[in-house]
C-alpha atoms as a PDB file:
ATOM      1  CA  LEU A   1     -17.174 -11.855  42.502  1.00  0.00           C
ATOM      2  CA  PHE A   2     -16.570 -15.491  41.997  1.00  0.00           C
ATOM      3  CA  ALA A   3     -17.659 -16.250  45.556  1.00  0.00           C
ATOM      4  CA  VAL A   4     -20.985 -14.478  45.180  1.00  0.00           C
ATOM      5  CA  ILE A   5     -21.734 -16.079  41.912  1.00  0.00           C
ATOM      6  CA  ALA A   6     -20.883 -19.404  43.376  1.00  0.00           C
ATOM      7  CA  LEU A   7     -23.107 -18.736  46.351  1.00  0.00           C
ATOM      8  CA  VAL A   8     -26.005 -17.668  44.259  1.00  0.00           C
ATOM      9  CA  SER A   9     -25.604 -20.642  42.000  1.00  0.00           C
ATOM     10  CA  GLY A  10     -25.359 -22.909  44.972  1.00  0.00           C
ATOM     11  CA  GLY A  11     -28.494 -21.446  46.479  1.00  0.00           C
ATOM     12  CA  CYS A  12     -30.522 -22.098  43.311  1.00  0.00           C
ATOM     13  CA  THR A  13     -29.616 -25.790  42.974  1.00  0.00           C
ATOM     14  CA  ARG A  14     -32.566 -28.250  43.730  1.00  0.00           C
ATOM     15  CA  GLU A  15     -32.466 -31.976  44.177  1.00  0.00           C
ATOM     16  CA  PRO A  16     -34.270 -33.858  41.274  1.00  0.00           C
ATOM     17  CA  GLU A  17     -37.536 -35.526  42.268  1.00  0.00           C
ATOM     18  CA  SER A  18     -37.485 -39.333  42.330  1.00  0.00           C
ATOM     19  CA  ARG A  19     -39.955 -41.012  39.884  1.00  0.00           C
ATOM     20  CA  VAL A  20     -41.460 -44.448  40.409  1.00  0.00           C
ATOM     21  CA  GLU A  21     -41.797 -46.444  37.156  1.00  0.00           C
ATOM     22  CA  VAL A  22     -45.311 -47.779  36.736  1.00  0.00           C
ATOM     23  CA  VAL A  23     -45.554 -51.221  35.017  1.00  0.00           C
ATOM     24  CA  PRO A  24     -48.865 -51.682  33.147  1.00  0.00           C
ATOM     25  CA  ARG A  25     -50.835 -54.783  33.915  1.00  0.00           C
ATOM     26  CA  VAL A  26     -52.232 -56.878  31.016  1.00  0.00           C
ATOM     27  CA  LYS A  27     -54.544 -59.887  31.197  1.00  0.00           C
ATOM     28  CA  PHE A  28     -54.096 -62.630  28.604  1.00  0.00           C
ATOM     29  CA  TYR A  29     -56.992 -64.637  27.166  1.00  0.00           C
ATOM     30  CA  THR A  30     -56.832 -67.726  24.892  1.00  0.00           C
ATOM     31  CA  VAL A  31     -59.358 -67.261  22.074  1.00  0.00           C
ATOM     32  CA  ASN A  32     -60.736 -70.482  20.610  1.00  0.00           C
ATOM     33  CA  GLU A  33     -62.646 -70.854  17.337  1.00  0.00           C
ATOM     34  CA  LEU A  34     -66.342 -71.155  17.936  1.00  0.00           C
ATOM     35  CA  ALA A  35     -67.557 -74.583  16.839  1.00  0.00           C
ATOM     36  CA  VAL A  36     -70.591 -74.117  14.647  1.00  0.00           C
ATOM     37  CA  GLY A  37     -70.474 -77.334  12.560  1.00  0.00           C
ATOM     38  CA  GLN A  38     -72.750 -80.331  12.937  1.00  0.00           C
ATOM     39  CA  SER A  39     -71.950 -84.018  12.793  1.00  0.00           C
ATOM     40  CA  ARG A  40     -74.392 -86.428  11.176  1.00  0.00           C
ATOM     41  CA  ARG A  41     -74.271 -90.208  10.950  1.00  0.00           C
ATOM     42  CA  PHE A  42     -75.854 -92.196   8.116  1.00  0.00           C
ATOM     43  CA  SER A  43     -75.850 -95.886   7.410  1.00  0.00           C
ATOM     44  CA  GLY A  44     -74.774 -97.102   3.990  1.00  0.00           C
ATOM     45  CA  LYS A  45     -73.733-100.087   1.914  1.00  0.00           C
ATOM     46  CA  VAL A  46     -70.122-100.861   1.008  1.00  0.00           C
ATOM     47  CA  VAL A  47     -69.689-101.938  -2.617  1.00  0.00           C
ATOM     48  CA  ALA A  48     -66.798-102.204  -5.046  1.00  0.00           C
ATOM     49  CA  ALA A  49     -65.745 -98.917  -6.602  1.00  0.00           C
ATOM     50  CA  ASP A  50     -65.946-100.452 -10.084  1.00  0.00           C
ATOM     51  CA  THR A  51     -68.363-103.221 -11.034  1.00  0.00           C
ATOM     52  CA  SER A  52     -68.407-104.475 -14.629  1.00  0.00           C
ATOM     53  CA  PRO A  53     -70.992-106.843 -16.127  1.00  0.00           C
ATOM     54  CA  LEU A  54     -69.272-109.064 -18.688  1.00  0.00           C
ATOM     55  CA  SER A  55     -70.934-110.738 -21.677  1.00  0.00           C
ATOM     56  CA  PHE A  56     -70.084-112.305 -25.034  1.00  0.00           C
ATOM     57  CA  ALA A  57     -70.441-110.061 -28.078  1.00  0.00           C
ATOM     58  CA  VAL A  58     -71.665-113.006 -30.178  1.00  0.00           C
ATOM     59  CA  SER A  59     -74.284-115.686 -29.703  1.00  0.00           C
ATOM     60  CA  GLY A  60     -73.375-119.341 -29.256  1.00  0.00           C
ATOM     61  CA  THR A  61     -73.155-122.362 -27.015  1.00  0.00           C
ATOM     62  CA  VAL A  62     -71.019-122.167 -23.888  1.00  0.00           C
ATOM     63  CA  ASN A  63     -68.092-124.539 -24.273  1.00  0.00           C
ATOM     64  CA  GLU A  64     -66.040-124.106 -21.088  1.00  0.00           C
ATOM     65  CA  VAL A  65     -66.206-121.961 -17.944  1.00  0.00           C
ATOM     66  CA  PHE A  66     -62.918-121.573 -16.095  1.00  0.00           C
ATOM     67  CA  VAL A  67     -63.881-119.508 -13.029  1.00  0.00           C
ATOM     68  CA  SER A  68     -66.446-119.611 -10.248  1.00  0.00           C
ATOM     69  CA  GLN A  69     -68.073-116.981  -8.087  1.00  0.00           C
ATOM     70  CA  GLY A  70     -65.569-115.479  -5.654  1.00  0.00           C
ATOM     71  CA  ASP A  71     -62.480-116.330  -7.701  1.00  0.00           C
ATOM     72  CA  ALA A  72     -59.764-113.716  -8.070  1.00  0.00           C
ATOM     73  CA  VAL A  73     -58.730-113.144 -11.689  1.00  0.00           C
ATOM     74  CA  ALA A  74     -55.906-111.315 -13.433  1.00  0.00           C
ATOM     75  CA  GLN A  75     -56.222-108.913 -16.345  1.00  0.00           C
ATOM     76  CA  GLY A  76     -56.480-110.851 -19.604  1.00  0.00           C
ATOM     77  CA  GLN A  77     -57.328-114.156 -17.914  1.00  0.00           C
ATOM     78  CA  VAL A  78     -59.755-116.291 -19.956  1.00  0.00           C
ATOM     79  CA  LEU A  79     -63.039-116.699 -18.107  1.00  0.00           C
ATOM     80  CA  ALA A  80     -65.103-118.749 -20.556  1.00  0.00           C
ATOM     81  CA  THR A  81     -65.321-119.797 -24.212  1.00  0.00           C
ATOM     82  CA  LEU A  82     -68.077-120.532 -26.716  1.00  0.00           C
ATOM     83  CA  ASP A  83     -68.149-123.366 -29.205  1.00  0.00           C
ATOM     84  CA  GLN A  84     -65.876-122.102 -31.995  1.00  0.00           C
ATOM     85  CA  LYS A  85     -66.813-124.632 -34.685  1.00  0.00           C
ATOM     86  CA  PRO A  86     -69.676-122.595 -36.240  1.00  0.00           C
ATOM     87  CA  MET A  87     -67.480-119.488 -36.336  1.00  0.00           C
ATOM     88  CA  GLU A  88     -64.589-121.397 -37.866  1.00  0.00           C
ATOM     89  CA  LEU A  89     -66.866-122.677 -40.637  1.00  0.00           C
ATOM     90  CA  ALA A  90     -68.113-119.143 -41.214  1.00  0.00           C
ATOM     91  CA  VAL A  91     -64.529-117.895 -41.550  1.00  0.00           C
ATOM     92  CA  GLU A  92     -63.711-120.640 -44.081  1.00  0.00           C
ATOM     93  CA  GLY A  93     -66.778-119.732 -46.126  1.00  0.00           C
ATOM     94  CA  ALA A  94     -65.857-116.048 -46.087  1.00  0.00           C
ATOM     95  CA  ARG A  95     -62.343-116.853 -47.245  1.00  0.00           C
ATOM     96  CA  ALA A  96     -63.717-118.897 -50.145  1.00  0.00           C
ATOM     97  CA  GLN A  97     -65.959-115.997 -51.175  1.00  0.00           C
ATOM     98  CA  LEU A  98     -62.957-113.678 -51.046  1.00  0.00           C
ATOM     99  CA  VAL A  99     -61.030-115.933 -53.434  1.00  0.00           C
ATOM    100  CA  VAL A 100     -63.970-115.925 -55.865  1.00  0.00           C
ATOM    101  CA  ALA A 101     -64.244-112.156 -55.648  1.00  0.00           C
ATOM    102  CA  ARG A 102     -60.538-111.704 -56.409  1.00  0.00           C
ATOM    103  CA  GLU A 103     -60.768-113.978 -59.453  1.00  0.00           C
ATOM    104  CA  LYS A 104     -63.777-111.993 -60.678  1.00  0.00           C
ATOM    105  CA  VAL A 105     -61.790-108.761 -60.439  1.00  0.00           C
ATOM    106  CA  ILE A 106     -58.957-110.270 -62.465  1.00  0.00           C
ATOM    107  CA  GLU A 107     -61.387-111.561 -65.079  1.00  0.00           C
ATOM    108  CA  THR A 108     -63.308-108.305 -65.510  1.00  0.00           C
ATOM    109  CA  LYS A 109     -60.055-106.322 -65.635  1.00  0.00           C
ATOM    110  CA  ARG A 110     -58.891-108.527 -68.497  1.00  0.00           C
ATOM    111  CA  HIS A 111     -62.160-107.878 -70.339  1.00  0.00           C
ATOM    112  CA  VAL A 112     -61.708-104.115 -69.928  1.00  0.00           C
ATOM    113  CA  ASP A 113     -58.226-104.297 -71.415  1.00  0.00           C
ATOM    114  CA  GLN A 114     -59.494-106.397 -74.339  1.00  0.00           C
ATOM    115  CA  PHE A 115     -62.412-104.092 -75.172  1.00  0.00           C
ATOM    116  CA  ARG A 116     -60.165-101.029 -74.991  1.00  0.00           C
ATOM    117  CA  LYS A 117     -57.867-102.540 -77.606  1.00  0.00           C
ATOM    118  CA  LEU A 118     -60.843-103.546 -79.746  1.00  0.00           C
ATOM    119  CA  ARG A 119     -62.285-100.077 -79.392  1.00  0.00           C
ATOM    120  CA  GLU A 120     -59.029 -98.538 -80.609  1.00  0.00           C
ATOM    121  CA  ARG A 121     -59.449-100.580 -83.775  1.00  0.00           C
ATOM    122  CA  ASN A 122     -63.181 -99.714 -83.949  1.00  0.00           C
ATOM    123  CA  VAL A 123     -64.060-103.391 -83.551  1.00  0.00           C
ATOM    124  CA  ALA A 124     -65.943-102.948 -80.265  1.00  0.00           C
ATOM    125  CA  THR A 125     -68.708-100.466 -79.633  1.00  0.00           C
ATOM    126  CA  PRO A 126     -68.585 -97.818 -76.870  1.00  0.00           C
ATOM    127  CA  PHE A 127     -71.459 -99.603 -75.135  1.00  0.00           C
ATOM    128  CA  GLU A 128     -69.462-102.842 -74.902  1.00  0.00           C
ATOM    129  CA  LEU A 129     -66.499-101.000 -73.386  1.00  0.00           C
ATOM    130  CA  ASP A 130     -68.711 -99.176 -70.888  1.00  0.00           C
ATOM    131  CA  THR A 131     -70.325-102.479 -69.900  1.00  0.00           C
ATOM    132  CA  ALA A 132     -66.924-104.063 -69.296  1.00  0.00           C
ATOM    133  CA  ILE A 133     -65.844-101.119 -67.136  1.00  0.00           C
ATOM    134  CA  THR A 134     -69.082-101.302 -65.143  1.00  0.00           C
ATOM    135  CA  ASN A 135     -68.580-105.039 -64.527  1.00  0.00           C
ATOM    136  CA  TYR A 136     -65.021-104.349 -63.371  1.00  0.00           C
ATOM    137  CA  ASN A 137     -66.164-101.661 -60.918  1.00  0.00           C
ATOM    138  CA  THR A 138     -68.854-104.005 -59.587  1.00  0.00           C
ATOM    139  CA  ALA A 139     -66.285-106.776 -59.119  1.00  0.00           C
ATOM    140  CA  GLN A 140     -64.045-104.403 -57.141  1.00  0.00           C
ATOM    141  CA  ALA A 141     -66.947-103.441 -54.892  1.00  0.00           C
ATOM    142  CA  ASN A 142     -67.766-107.126 -54.332  1.00  0.00           C
ATOM    143  CA  LEU A 143     -64.135-107.759 -53.453  1.00  0.00           C
ATOM    144  CA  ARG A 144     -64.186-105.032 -50.809  1.00  0.00           C
ATOM    145  CA  SER A 145     -67.425-106.442 -49.426  1.00  0.00           C
ATOM    146  CA  ALA A 146     -65.984-109.958 -49.285  1.00  0.00           C
ATOM    147  CA  GLN A 147     -62.906-108.683 -47.455  1.00  0.00           C
ATOM    148  CA  ALA A 148     -65.071-106.831 -44.934  1.00  0.00           C
ATOM    149  CA  ASP A 149     -67.184-109.951 -44.408  1.00  0.00           C
ATOM    150  CA  LEU A 150     -64.066-112.032 -43.743  1.00  0.00           C
ATOM    151  CA  ASP A 151     -62.779-109.436 -41.267  1.00  0.00           C
ATOM    152  CA  GLN A 152     -66.112-109.524 -39.429  1.00  0.00           C
ATOM    153  CA  LYS A 153     -66.173-113.327 -39.331  1.00  0.00           C
ATOM    154  CA  GLU A 154     -62.638-113.434 -37.936  1.00  0.00           C
ATOM    155  CA  LEU A 155     -63.596-110.826 -35.340  1.00  0.00           C
ATOM    156  CA  ASP A 156     -66.631-112.898 -34.335  1.00  0.00           C
ATOM    157  CA  LEU A 157     -64.370-115.936 -33.964  1.00  0.00           C
ATOM    158  CA  SER A 158     -62.088-114.009 -31.581  1.00  0.00           C
ATOM    159  CA  ARG A 159     -65.132-112.946 -29.580  1.00  0.00           C
ATOM    160  CA  THR A 160     -65.905-116.546 -28.655  1.00  0.00           C
ATOM    161  CA  VAL A 161     -63.250-116.127 -25.942  1.00  0.00           C
ATOM    162  CA  LEU A 162     -64.232-113.967 -22.953  1.00  0.00           C
ATOM    163  CA  ALA A 163     -61.301-112.547 -20.959  1.00  0.00           C
ATOM    164  CA  ALA A 164     -61.169-110.322 -17.888  1.00  0.00           C
ATOM    165  CA  PRO A 165     -60.673-106.663 -18.897  1.00  0.00           C
ATOM    166  CA  SER A 166     -58.973-105.925 -15.563  1.00  0.00           C
ATOM    167  CA  ALA A 167     -57.897-107.607 -12.364  1.00  0.00           C
ATOM    168  CA  GLY A 168     -60.620-108.237  -9.812  1.00  0.00           C
ATOM    169  CA  SER A 169     -62.888-110.893  -8.396  1.00  0.00           C
ATOM    170  CA  ILE A 170     -65.910-112.686  -9.830  1.00  0.00           C
ATOM    171  CA  ALA A 171     -68.895-111.340  -7.911  1.00  0.00           C
ATOM    172  CA  GLN A 172     -71.462-113.277  -9.934  1.00  0.00           C
ATOM    173  CA  ARG A 173     -71.443-116.127 -12.468  1.00  0.00           C
ATOM    174  CA  SER A 174     -74.532-116.621 -14.630  1.00  0.00           C
ATOM    175  CA  ILE A 175     -73.492-119.257 -17.191  1.00  0.00           C
ATOM    176  CA  ASP A 176     -72.730-122.982 -17.332  1.00  0.00           C
ATOM    177  CA  PRO A 177     -71.306-125.253 -20.035  1.00  0.00           C
ATOM    178  CA  PHE A 178     -73.627-126.230 -22.930  1.00  0.00           C
ATOM    179  CA  GLN A 179     -75.880-123.258 -22.212  1.00  0.00           C
ATOM    180  CA  GLU A 180     -77.155-121.298 -25.212  1.00  0.00           C
ATOM    181  CA  LEU A 181     -76.286-117.625 -24.977  1.00  0.00           C
ATOM    182  CA  THR A 182     -77.415-114.628 -26.969  1.00  0.00           C
ATOM    183  CA  ALA A 183     -75.062-111.760 -27.655  1.00  0.00           C
ATOM    184  CA  GLY A 184     -74.998-109.282 -24.794  1.00  0.00           C
ATOM    185  CA  LYS A 185     -76.490-111.575 -22.152  1.00  0.00           C
ATOM    186  CA  GLN A 186     -74.666-111.157 -18.852  1.00  0.00           C
ATOM    187  CA  ALA A 187     -72.207-113.961 -18.124  1.00  0.00           C
ATOM    188  CA  PHE A 188     -70.213-112.582 -15.170  1.00  0.00           C
ATOM    189  CA  VAL A 189     -70.018-109.585 -12.858  1.00  0.00           C
ATOM    190  CA  LEU A 190     -66.448-108.473 -12.222  1.00  0.00           C
ATOM    191  CA  GLN A 191     -65.567-106.356  -9.191  1.00  0.00           C
ATOM    192  CA  SER A 192     -62.370-104.339  -9.068  1.00  0.00           C
ATOM    193  CA  VAL A 193     -59.924-104.694  -6.200  1.00  0.00           C
ATOM    194  CA  GLY A 194     -58.162-102.067  -4.107  1.00  0.00           C
ATOM    195  CA  SER A 195     -60.924 -99.486  -3.696  1.00  0.00           C
ATOM    196  CA  PHE A 196     -64.486 -99.389  -2.406  1.00  0.00           C
ATOM    197  CA  LYS A 197     -67.333 -96.928  -2.220  1.00  0.00           C
ATOM    198  CA  VAL A 198     -70.169 -96.474   0.246  1.00  0.00           C
ATOM    199  CA  GLU A 199     -73.667 -95.750  -1.017  1.00  0.00           C
ATOM    200  CA  VAL A 200     -75.593 -93.625   1.482  1.00  0.00           C
ATOM    201  CA  ARG A 201     -79.153 -92.308   1.374  1.00  0.00           C
ATOM    202  CA  VAL A 202     -79.429 -88.791   2.815  1.00  0.00           C
ATOM    203  CA  PRO A 203     -82.813 -87.208   3.735  1.00  0.00           C
ATOM    204  CA  GLU A 204     -83.884 -84.395   1.416  1.00  0.00           C
ATOM    205  CA  THR A 205     -83.803 -81.944   4.334  1.00  0.00           C
ATOM    206  CA  LEU A 206     -80.069 -82.534   4.848  1.00  0.00           C
ATOM    207  CA  ILE A 207     -78.767 -83.103   1.319  1.00  0.00           C
ATOM    208  CA  ARG A 208     -78.123 -79.361   0.918  1.00  0.00           C
ATOM    209  CA  ASP A 209     -75.397 -79.688   3.560  1.00  0.00           C
ATOM    210  CA  VAL A 210     -73.517 -82.314   1.537  1.00  0.00           C
ATOM    211  CA  ASN A 211     -70.970 -81.013  -0.985  1.00  0.00           C
ATOM    212  CA  PHE A 212     -68.925 -82.670  -3.684  1.00  0.00           C
ATOM    213  CA  GLY A 213     -65.407 -83.391  -2.412  1.00  0.00           C
ATOM    214  CA  GLN A 214     -66.465 -83.068   1.234  1.00  0.00           C
ATOM    215  CA  ALA A 215     -64.342 -85.092   3.661  1.00  0.00           C
ATOM    216  CA  VAL A 216     -66.168 -87.766   5.659  1.00  0.00           C
ATOM    217  CA  GLN A 217     -65.306 -90.555   8.048  1.00  0.00           C
ATOM    218  CA  VAL A 218     -66.350 -94.142   7.403  1.00  0.00           C
ATOM    219  CA  GLU A 219     -66.858 -96.533  10.281  1.00  0.00           C
ATOM    220  CA  PHE A 220     -67.713-100.229  10.209  1.00  0.00           C
ATOM    221  CA  PRO A 221     -69.999-101.904  12.768  1.00  0.00           C
ATOM    222  CA  THR A 222     -68.045-105.158  12.656  1.00  0.00           C
ATOM    223  CA  PHE A 223     -64.706-103.376  13.198  1.00  0.00           C
ATOM    224  CA  LYS A 224     -65.169-101.174  16.244  1.00  0.00           C
ATOM    225  CA  ASP A 225     -61.717 -99.574  16.142  1.00  0.00           C
ATOM    226  CA  MET A 226     -61.572 -98.967  12.399  1.00  0.00           C
ATOM    227  CA  ALA A 227     -62.345 -95.541  10.943  1.00  0.00           C
ATOM    228  CA  LEU A 228     -61.278 -94.647   7.409  1.00  0.00           C
ATOM    229  CA  PRO A 229     -61.184 -91.228   5.748  1.00  0.00           C
ATOM    230  CA  GLY A 230     -63.463 -90.800   2.749  1.00  0.00           C
ATOM    231  CA  GLN A 231     -64.637 -88.192   0.298  1.00  0.00           C
ATOM    232  CA  VAL A 232     -67.963 -87.407  -1.360  1.00  0.00           C
ATOM    233  CA  THR A 233     -67.493 -88.393  -5.008  1.00  0.00           C
ATOM    234  CA  ALA A 234     -71.066 -88.269  -6.337  1.00  0.00           C
ATOM    235  CA  ILE A 235     -74.390 -86.734  -5.315  1.00  0.00           C
ATOM    236  CA  GLY A 236     -77.620 -88.049  -6.808  1.00  0.00           C
ATOM    237  CA  SER A 237     -80.103 -85.675  -8.383  1.00  0.00           C
ATOM    238  CA  LEU A 238     -83.252 -87.793  -8.000  1.00  0.00           C
ATOM    239  CA  ALA A 239     -85.152 -88.677  -4.859  1.00  0.00           C
ATOM    240  CA  GLU A 240     -85.541 -92.395  -4.209  1.00  0.00           C
ATOM    241  CA  SER A 241     -87.182 -94.365  -1.441  1.00  0.00           C
ATOM    242  CA  GLY A 242     -88.480 -92.176   1.398  1.00  0.00           C
ATOM    243  CA  ASN A 243     -87.498 -88.959  -0.439  1.00  0.00           C
ATOM    244  CA  ALA A 244     -83.819 -89.740   0.263  1.00  0.00           C
END
């Protein structure tokens, strides 16, 4: 029994078929971003990032000028002065008027006190007391006006000295000693140091492609190997020469 079963089992056994492993083939491609941008070149003018016209806030005669065009200056450095004598006389006059105004206040206050006492004894009339109070109020107003006038005169005296509001260089000088100046007339042009800007005119057909904050590259004809990174900081809204 065991032999037959073994024979039958042996007769049914089949060798497993051999399988060949197939390796898939894959081609690799390097995908690059398609360049769709455009590069444009425009000529421009390099100027200081900050340019400040400087002038005296008061009129007068130029006394001294301490700087020339092209000089480097520090913040607070005195650039020029006006003749201070007229302003000094004005300050002295204002101080004298202030003293008079103070004395008037003291005098009218004393009159008010006197008429109040007289009124309590029915010696003075209500009209006299009201008049004294009115004079006292007027004297106080004149005192405030005199004080304000003195403050203004002292401020004008300080304005006879023109100092640099920031460090920079003198790009232009328009005054000389003994010259008569009116308030607000330009005396100097101060350029800041450390930063510059480039003013560029862009044709109206291309301005739509320029955006605020856009990165740009600045090159200089006189420095062939110099290229500096820049950024669009302002875009004009009006067309100028040649619709640019």
